[in-house]
N, C-alpha and C. Protein backbone atom coordinates (compact mmCIF):
# COMPACT_ATOMS: atom_id res chain seq x y z
N UNK A 1 -26.32 61.05 78.27
CA UNK A 1 -25.22 60.60 79.05
C UNK A 1 -24.40 59.57 78.29
N UNK A 2 -23.28 59.26 78.86
CA UNK A 2 -22.36 58.32 78.24
C UNK A 2 -21.77 57.42 79.32
N UNK A 3 -21.56 56.16 78.96
CA UNK A 3 -20.85 55.22 79.82
C UNK A 3 -19.49 55.02 79.18
N UNK A 4 -18.44 55.14 79.98
CA UNK A 4 -17.09 55.03 79.44
C UNK A 4 -16.28 54.03 80.27
N UNK A 5 -15.60 53.13 79.58
CA UNK A 5 -14.70 52.18 80.23
C UNK A 5 -13.31 52.39 79.64
N UNK A 6 -12.30 52.36 80.50
CA UNK A 6 -10.92 52.56 80.05
C UNK A 6 -10.12 51.31 80.39
N UNK A 7 -9.35 50.84 79.41
CA UNK A 7 -8.49 49.67 79.57
C UNK A 7 -7.06 50.12 79.30
N UNK A 8 -6.14 49.77 80.20
CA UNK A 8 -4.76 50.24 80.06
C UNK A 8 -3.78 49.08 79.97
N UNK A 9 -2.77 49.27 79.14
CA UNK A 9 -1.61 48.39 79.03
C UNK A 9 -0.39 49.27 79.26
N UNK A 10 0.78 48.68 79.39
CA UNK A 10 1.97 49.52 79.64
C UNK A 10 2.18 50.63 78.60
N UNK A 11 1.91 50.36 77.31
CA UNK A 11 2.17 51.37 76.29
C UNK A 11 0.95 51.69 75.42
N UNK A 12 -0.22 51.23 75.83
CA UNK A 12 -1.44 51.48 75.03
C UNK A 12 -2.63 51.67 75.96
N UNK A 13 -3.68 52.28 75.43
CA UNK A 13 -4.92 52.48 76.18
C UNK A 13 -6.10 52.32 75.23
N UNK A 14 -7.18 51.73 75.71
CA UNK A 14 -8.41 51.59 74.93
C UNK A 14 -9.54 52.24 75.72
N UNK A 15 -10.41 52.94 75.02
CA UNK A 15 -11.58 53.56 75.64
C UNK A 15 -12.81 53.05 74.90
N UNK A 16 -13.76 52.51 75.66
CA UNK A 16 -15.03 52.08 75.08
C UNK A 16 -16.11 53.02 75.60
N UNK A 17 -16.81 53.67 74.69
CA UNK A 17 -17.89 54.59 75.05
C UNK A 17 -19.21 54.04 74.51
N UNK A 18 -20.24 54.13 75.32
CA UNK A 18 -21.58 53.74 74.90
C UNK A 18 -22.51 54.93 75.17
N UNK A 19 -23.25 55.34 74.13
CA UNK A 19 -24.10 56.52 74.28
C UNK A 19 -25.22 56.51 73.24
N UNK A 20 -26.25 57.30 73.49
CA UNK A 20 -27.29 57.53 72.50
C UNK A 20 -26.93 58.78 71.73
N UNK A 21 -27.16 58.75 70.43
CA UNK A 21 -26.85 59.88 69.56
C UNK A 21 -27.77 61.05 69.89
N UNK A 22 -27.24 62.25 69.88
CA UNK A 22 -28.05 63.43 70.23
C UNK A 22 -29.11 63.76 69.19
N UNK A 23 -28.76 63.66 67.92
CA UNK A 23 -29.70 64.05 66.86
C UNK A 23 -30.64 62.91 66.47
N UNK A 24 -30.17 61.68 66.55
CA UNK A 24 -31.00 60.52 66.16
C UNK A 24 -31.37 59.77 67.43
N UNK A 25 -32.57 60.01 67.93
CA UNK A 25 -32.96 59.49 69.24
C UNK A 25 -33.05 57.96 69.30
N UNK A 26 -33.11 57.28 68.18
CA UNK A 26 -33.22 55.82 68.18
C UNK A 26 -31.89 55.14 67.91
N UNK A 27 -30.81 55.89 67.94
CA UNK A 27 -29.50 55.36 67.62
C UNK A 27 -28.62 55.30 68.87
N UNK A 28 -28.19 54.10 69.23
CA UNK A 28 -27.21 53.90 70.30
C UNK A 28 -25.88 53.54 69.64
N UNK A 29 -24.79 54.00 70.23
CA UNK A 29 -23.47 53.80 69.63
C UNK A 29 -22.52 53.21 70.67
N UNK A 30 -21.79 52.20 70.26
CA UNK A 30 -20.64 51.72 71.02
C UNK A 30 -19.42 52.11 70.19
N UNK A 31 -18.54 52.87 70.80
CA UNK A 31 -17.34 53.35 70.12
C UNK A 31 -16.13 52.83 70.89
N UNK A 32 -15.20 52.21 70.17
CA UNK A 32 -13.97 51.72 70.79
C UNK A 32 -12.80 52.42 70.11
N UNK A 33 -11.98 53.10 70.91
CA UNK A 33 -10.79 53.79 70.40
C UNK A 33 -9.58 53.18 71.11
N UNK A 34 -8.64 52.68 70.32
CA UNK A 34 -7.42 52.09 70.88
C UNK A 34 -6.24 52.95 70.46
N UNK A 35 -5.56 53.52 71.45
CA UNK A 35 -4.39 54.37 71.20
C UNK A 35 -3.13 53.56 71.48
N UNK A 36 -2.46 53.18 70.42
CA UNK A 36 -1.23 52.41 70.51
C UNK A 36 -0.04 53.26 70.02
N UNK A 37 -0.21 54.58 70.08
CA UNK A 37 0.80 55.49 69.53
C UNK A 37 2.10 55.49 70.34
N UNK A 38 2.08 54.96 71.56
CA UNK A 38 3.29 54.94 72.38
C UNK A 38 4.07 53.64 72.28
N UNK A 39 3.63 52.74 71.40
CA UNK A 39 4.29 51.44 71.32
C UNK A 39 4.85 51.17 69.93
N UNK A 40 5.99 50.56 69.88
CA UNK A 40 6.60 50.16 68.61
C UNK A 40 6.12 48.80 68.15
N UNK A 41 5.20 48.19 68.90
CA UNK A 41 4.66 46.87 68.54
C UNK A 41 3.15 46.98 68.28
N UNK A 42 2.66 46.22 67.31
CA UNK A 42 1.21 46.19 67.13
C UNK A 42 0.54 45.52 68.32
N UNK A 43 -0.74 45.80 68.52
CA UNK A 43 -1.50 45.15 69.59
C UNK A 43 -2.73 44.52 68.95
N UNK A 44 -3.02 43.28 69.33
CA UNK A 44 -4.21 42.60 68.83
C UNK A 44 -5.16 42.36 69.99
N UNK A 45 -6.40 42.79 69.79
CA UNK A 45 -7.43 42.64 70.82
C UNK A 45 -8.46 41.62 70.37
N UNK A 46 -8.84 40.73 71.24
CA UNK A 46 -9.93 39.80 70.98
C UNK A 46 -11.20 40.46 71.49
N UNK A 47 -12.23 40.55 70.65
CA UNK A 47 -13.48 41.19 71.02
C UNK A 47 -14.56 40.12 71.22
N UNK A 48 -15.10 40.04 72.42
CA UNK A 48 -16.16 39.08 72.71
C UNK A 48 -17.51 39.71 72.45
N UNK A 49 -18.36 39.00 71.75
CA UNK A 49 -19.73 39.46 71.49
C UNK A 49 -20.65 38.58 72.32
N UNK A 50 -21.02 39.07 73.50
CA UNK A 50 -21.86 38.27 74.39
C UNK A 50 -23.31 38.73 74.39
N UNK A 51 -23.76 39.25 73.25
CA UNK A 51 -25.14 39.70 73.11
C UNK A 51 -26.11 38.55 73.38
N UNK A 52 -27.15 38.83 74.13
CA UNK A 52 -28.16 37.83 74.46
C UNK A 52 -29.54 38.41 74.22
N UNK A 53 -30.44 37.59 73.69
CA UNK A 53 -31.82 38.02 73.49
C UNK A 53 -32.71 37.58 74.65
N UNK A 54 -32.15 37.01 75.67
CA UNK A 54 -32.95 36.52 76.80
C UNK A 54 -33.52 37.69 77.58
N UNK A 55 -34.81 37.61 77.85
CA UNK A 55 -35.50 38.65 78.59
C UNK A 55 -36.65 38.02 79.36
N UNK A 56 -36.89 38.52 80.56
CA UNK A 56 -37.99 37.99 81.35
C UNK A 56 -39.35 38.50 80.88
N UNK A 57 -39.37 39.65 80.19
CA UNK A 57 -40.66 40.22 79.82
C UNK A 57 -40.85 40.48 78.33
N UNK A 58 -39.88 40.08 77.50
CA UNK A 58 -40.00 40.28 76.05
C UNK A 58 -39.64 38.99 75.32
N UNK A 59 -40.47 38.62 74.37
CA UNK A 59 -40.22 37.46 73.52
C UNK A 59 -39.52 37.94 72.25
N UNK A 60 -38.20 37.68 72.12
CA UNK A 60 -37.42 38.12 70.96
C UNK A 60 -37.20 37.00 69.97
N UNK A 61 -37.01 37.36 68.69
CA UNK A 61 -36.61 36.40 67.65
C UNK A 61 -35.73 37.13 66.64
N UNK A 62 -34.81 36.42 66.06
CA UNK A 62 -33.95 36.99 65.01
C UNK A 62 -34.75 37.04 63.72
N UNK A 63 -34.75 38.20 63.06
CA UNK A 63 -35.45 38.34 61.78
C UNK A 63 -34.49 38.43 60.60
N UNK A 64 -33.24 38.83 60.85
CA UNK A 64 -32.21 38.76 59.82
C UNK A 64 -30.85 38.83 60.51
N UNK A 65 -29.88 38.18 59.87
CA UNK A 65 -28.56 38.13 60.47
C UNK A 65 -27.53 37.85 59.39
N UNK A 66 -26.42 38.57 59.46
CA UNK A 66 -25.27 38.28 58.61
C UNK A 66 -24.03 38.51 59.47
N UNK A 67 -22.84 38.49 58.87
CA UNK A 67 -21.63 38.56 59.69
C UNK A 67 -21.43 39.94 60.33
N UNK A 68 -22.14 40.97 59.84
CA UNK A 68 -21.98 42.32 60.37
C UNK A 68 -23.15 42.79 61.25
N UNK A 69 -24.34 42.23 61.04
CA UNK A 69 -25.54 42.78 61.68
C UNK A 69 -26.48 41.67 62.15
N UNK A 70 -27.11 41.90 63.29
CA UNK A 70 -28.20 41.06 63.77
C UNK A 70 -29.42 41.95 63.97
N UNK A 71 -30.53 41.59 63.36
CA UNK A 71 -31.79 42.32 63.55
C UNK A 71 -32.77 41.40 64.26
N UNK A 72 -33.38 41.93 65.32
CA UNK A 72 -34.33 41.15 66.10
C UNK A 72 -35.64 41.92 66.25
N UNK A 73 -36.69 41.18 66.49
CA UNK A 73 -37.98 41.76 66.83
C UNK A 73 -38.48 41.07 68.09
N UNK A 74 -39.31 41.77 68.80
CA UNK A 74 -39.88 41.18 69.99
C UNK A 74 -41.16 41.87 70.39
N UNK A 75 -41.80 41.27 71.36
CA UNK A 75 -43.04 41.83 71.89
C UNK A 75 -43.09 41.49 73.37
N UNK A 76 -43.58 42.46 74.16
CA UNK A 76 -43.71 42.18 75.58
C UNK A 76 -44.72 41.05 75.77
N UNK A 77 -44.47 40.23 76.78
CA UNK A 77 -45.36 39.11 77.05
C UNK A 77 -46.76 39.59 77.42
N UNK A 78 -46.81 40.75 78.09
CA UNK A 78 -48.09 41.31 78.52
C UNK A 78 -48.11 42.80 78.20
N UNK A 79 -49.30 43.33 78.05
CA UNK A 79 -49.44 44.77 77.84
C UNK A 79 -48.96 45.51 79.08
N UNK A 80 -48.31 46.63 78.86
CA UNK A 80 -47.83 47.43 79.99
C UNK A 80 -48.96 48.22 80.63
N UNK A 81 -50.01 48.49 79.84
CA UNK A 81 -51.18 49.22 80.32
C UNK A 81 -52.42 48.38 79.99
N UNK A 82 -53.27 48.16 80.99
CA UNK A 82 -54.48 47.36 80.79
C UNK A 82 -55.30 47.91 79.63
N UNK A 83 -55.74 47.03 78.75
CA UNK A 83 -56.57 47.43 77.62
C UNK A 83 -55.77 47.86 76.39
N UNK A 84 -54.47 48.02 76.53
CA UNK A 84 -53.61 48.41 75.41
C UNK A 84 -52.92 47.16 74.86
N UNK A 85 -52.49 47.21 73.58
CA UNK A 85 -51.76 46.06 73.04
C UNK A 85 -50.36 45.95 73.64
N UNK A 86 -49.79 44.76 73.55
CA UNK A 86 -48.41 44.57 73.99
C UNK A 86 -47.50 45.43 73.11
N UNK A 87 -46.35 45.83 73.65
CA UNK A 87 -45.42 46.71 72.93
C UNK A 87 -44.48 45.86 72.07
N UNK A 88 -44.35 46.25 70.80
CA UNK A 88 -43.42 45.59 69.90
C UNK A 88 -42.11 46.36 69.85
N UNK A 89 -41.03 45.63 69.65
CA UNK A 89 -39.69 46.22 69.60
C UNK A 89 -38.96 45.66 68.39
N UNK A 90 -38.21 46.52 67.71
CA UNK A 90 -37.34 46.08 66.61
C UNK A 90 -35.98 46.72 66.83
N UNK A 91 -34.94 45.92 66.60
CA UNK A 91 -33.59 46.42 66.83
C UNK A 91 -32.64 45.78 65.81
N UNK A 92 -31.74 46.60 65.25
CA UNK A 92 -30.64 46.10 64.43
C UNK A 92 -29.35 46.55 65.09
N UNK A 93 -28.47 45.60 65.33
CA UNK A 93 -27.22 45.90 66.01
C UNK A 93 -26.04 45.43 65.18
N UNK A 94 -24.96 46.18 65.26
CA UNK A 94 -23.73 45.80 64.59
C UNK A 94 -23.02 44.74 65.42
N UNK A 95 -22.45 43.78 64.73
CA UNK A 95 -21.69 42.74 65.40
C UNK A 95 -20.21 43.10 65.30
N UNK A 96 -19.49 43.06 66.40
CA UNK A 96 -18.07 43.41 66.33
C UNK A 96 -17.27 42.30 65.65
N UNK A 97 -16.14 42.67 65.08
CA UNK A 97 -15.26 41.63 64.54
C UNK A 97 -14.70 40.79 65.69
N UNK A 98 -14.22 39.60 65.40
CA UNK A 98 -13.67 38.73 66.44
C UNK A 98 -12.40 39.32 67.04
N UNK A 99 -11.66 40.08 66.24
CA UNK A 99 -10.45 40.70 66.75
C UNK A 99 -10.18 42.00 66.02
N UNK A 100 -9.29 42.77 66.59
CA UNK A 100 -8.93 44.07 66.00
C UNK A 100 -7.44 44.26 66.26
N UNK A 101 -6.68 44.56 65.19
CA UNK A 101 -5.26 44.78 65.32
C UNK A 101 -4.96 46.26 65.13
N UNK A 102 -4.21 46.82 66.06
CA UNK A 102 -3.83 48.23 65.98
C UNK A 102 -2.32 48.27 65.71
N UNK A 103 -1.92 48.83 64.57
CA UNK A 103 -0.50 48.88 64.24
C UNK A 103 0.30 49.70 65.25
N UNK A 104 1.60 49.49 65.23
CA UNK A 104 2.51 50.26 66.09
C UNK A 104 2.39 51.74 65.78
N UNK A 105 2.54 52.56 66.79
CA UNK A 105 2.53 54.02 66.66
C UNK A 105 1.27 54.55 65.98
N UNK A 106 0.10 53.97 66.29
CA UNK A 106 -1.14 54.45 65.66
C UNK A 106 -2.32 54.33 66.61
N UNK A 107 -3.42 54.92 66.18
CA UNK A 107 -4.68 54.86 66.90
C UNK A 107 -5.75 54.36 65.94
N UNK A 108 -6.59 53.45 66.41
CA UNK A 108 -7.65 52.87 65.58
C UNK A 108 -8.96 52.99 66.33
N UNK A 109 -10.04 53.26 65.58
CA UNK A 109 -11.36 53.31 66.21
C UNK A 109 -12.33 52.38 65.50
N UNK A 110 -13.34 51.97 66.23
CA UNK A 110 -14.38 51.09 65.74
C UNK A 110 -15.71 51.64 66.24
N UNK A 111 -16.68 51.80 65.33
CA UNK A 111 -18.01 52.30 65.68
C UNK A 111 -19.01 51.18 65.43
N UNK A 112 -19.82 50.87 66.44
CA UNK A 112 -20.83 49.82 66.34
C UNK A 112 -22.21 50.43 66.63
N UNK A 113 -22.95 50.83 65.58
CA UNK A 113 -24.27 51.42 65.81
C UNK A 113 -25.35 50.37 66.05
N UNK A 114 -26.36 50.77 66.82
CA UNK A 114 -27.55 49.96 67.05
C UNK A 114 -28.76 50.88 66.95
N UNK A 115 -29.77 50.46 66.19
CA UNK A 115 -31.01 51.24 66.12
C UNK A 115 -32.11 50.47 66.84
N UNK A 116 -32.94 51.22 67.58
CA UNK A 116 -34.01 50.62 68.37
C UNK A 116 -35.29 51.45 68.19
N UNK A 117 -36.36 50.77 67.83
CA UNK A 117 -37.68 51.41 67.70
C UNK A 117 -38.71 50.51 68.37
N UNK A 118 -39.80 51.13 68.82
CA UNK A 118 -40.91 50.36 69.38
C UNK A 118 -42.20 50.77 68.69
N UNK A 119 -43.23 50.00 68.92
CA UNK A 119 -44.54 50.32 68.34
C UNK A 119 -45.15 51.56 69.00
N UNK A 120 -44.54 52.06 70.06
CA UNK A 120 -45.01 53.30 70.69
C UNK A 120 -44.44 54.54 69.99
N UNK A 121 -43.42 54.36 69.15
CA UNK A 121 -42.78 55.47 68.45
C UNK A 121 -43.57 55.85 67.20
N UNK A 122 -43.70 57.15 66.90
CA UNK A 122 -44.27 57.53 65.62
C UNK A 122 -43.28 57.14 64.53
N UNK A 123 -43.71 56.38 63.57
CA UNK A 123 -42.81 55.85 62.54
C UNK A 123 -42.77 56.71 61.29
N UNK A 124 -41.57 56.96 60.75
CA UNK A 124 -41.45 57.70 59.50
C UNK A 124 -41.51 56.76 58.29
N UNK A 125 -42.06 55.57 58.46
CA UNK A 125 -42.12 54.60 57.37
C UNK A 125 -43.21 53.58 57.62
N UNK A 126 -43.30 52.57 56.75
CA UNK A 126 -44.41 51.62 56.80
C UNK A 126 -44.38 50.62 57.95
N UNK A 127 -43.19 50.23 58.45
CA UNK A 127 -43.14 49.26 59.54
C UNK A 127 -41.91 49.49 60.39
N UNK A 128 -41.97 49.03 61.63
CA UNK A 128 -40.83 49.15 62.53
C UNK A 128 -39.62 48.47 61.92
N UNK A 129 -39.78 47.25 61.42
CA UNK A 129 -38.65 46.49 60.86
C UNK A 129 -37.99 47.24 59.72
N UNK A 130 -38.77 47.78 58.79
CA UNK A 130 -38.20 48.50 57.65
C UNK A 130 -37.49 49.78 58.08
N UNK A 131 -38.05 50.49 59.05
CA UNK A 131 -37.42 51.72 59.54
C UNK A 131 -36.10 51.41 60.22
N UNK A 132 -36.09 50.40 61.08
CA UNK A 132 -34.87 50.03 61.80
C UNK A 132 -33.79 49.61 60.81
N UNK A 133 -34.12 48.75 59.87
CA UNK A 133 -33.12 48.27 58.92
C UNK A 133 -32.60 49.42 58.06
N UNK A 134 -33.48 50.28 57.57
CA UNK A 134 -33.04 51.40 56.74
C UNK A 134 -32.14 52.35 57.51
N UNK A 135 -32.50 52.67 58.75
CA UNK A 135 -31.68 53.58 59.54
C UNK A 135 -30.33 52.94 59.85
N UNK A 136 -30.34 51.67 60.19
CA UNK A 136 -29.08 50.99 60.50
C UNK A 136 -28.17 50.96 59.28
N UNK A 137 -28.71 50.64 58.11
CA UNK A 137 -27.91 50.61 56.88
C UNK A 137 -27.34 51.99 56.57
N UNK A 138 -28.11 53.03 56.79
CA UNK A 138 -27.64 54.40 56.56
C UNK A 138 -26.47 54.72 57.49
N UNK A 139 -26.61 54.40 58.76
CA UNK A 139 -25.55 54.69 59.73
C UNK A 139 -24.29 53.91 59.38
N UNK A 140 -24.41 52.65 59.01
CA UNK A 140 -23.23 51.83 58.69
C UNK A 140 -22.51 52.36 57.45
N UNK A 141 -23.22 53.06 56.57
CA UNK A 141 -22.59 53.57 55.35
C UNK A 141 -21.92 54.92 55.54
N UNK A 142 -22.14 55.55 56.70
CA UNK A 142 -21.55 56.88 56.95
C UNK A 142 -20.05 56.73 57.17
N UNK A 143 -19.24 57.65 56.63
CA UNK A 143 -17.80 57.58 56.89
C UNK A 143 -17.51 57.87 58.35
N UNK A 144 -16.47 57.20 58.88
CA UNK A 144 -16.06 57.44 60.25
C UNK A 144 -15.24 58.70 60.33
N UNK A 145 -15.36 59.42 61.45
CA UNK A 145 -14.54 60.60 61.67
C UNK A 145 -13.14 60.17 62.06
N UNK A 146 -12.14 60.79 61.51
CA UNK A 146 -10.75 60.50 61.89
C UNK A 146 -10.17 61.64 62.68
């Protein structure tokens, strides 16, 4: 499924879509498309990044961060099943730029991938953190569709 939000201005429209990738089950995508093709003026959008690691049942910590990416790890406070270990989670998310300018008579898109793995997933590598970071780096290096 997909969640879609539409934002309208007199001569422009923005669509934000959030979905999980069909082929890569651990990849969530936020896609923002701004169509300013009906306006002779550029439009500048301020993008708020209100990401929070606060959770009532998971203890998260940042394991790496730069201006483009935040990677976190966490573990449930308690095991979900008696006698089993607590579940570990690793996630790398793209950080949006503070603003985005769309030139007059054009359309611009922005793709923000996030990879999420848990200790319940069969891993194709040595650790959750390494798999998440490698997959996220691969996705960020892929060319965007125009």
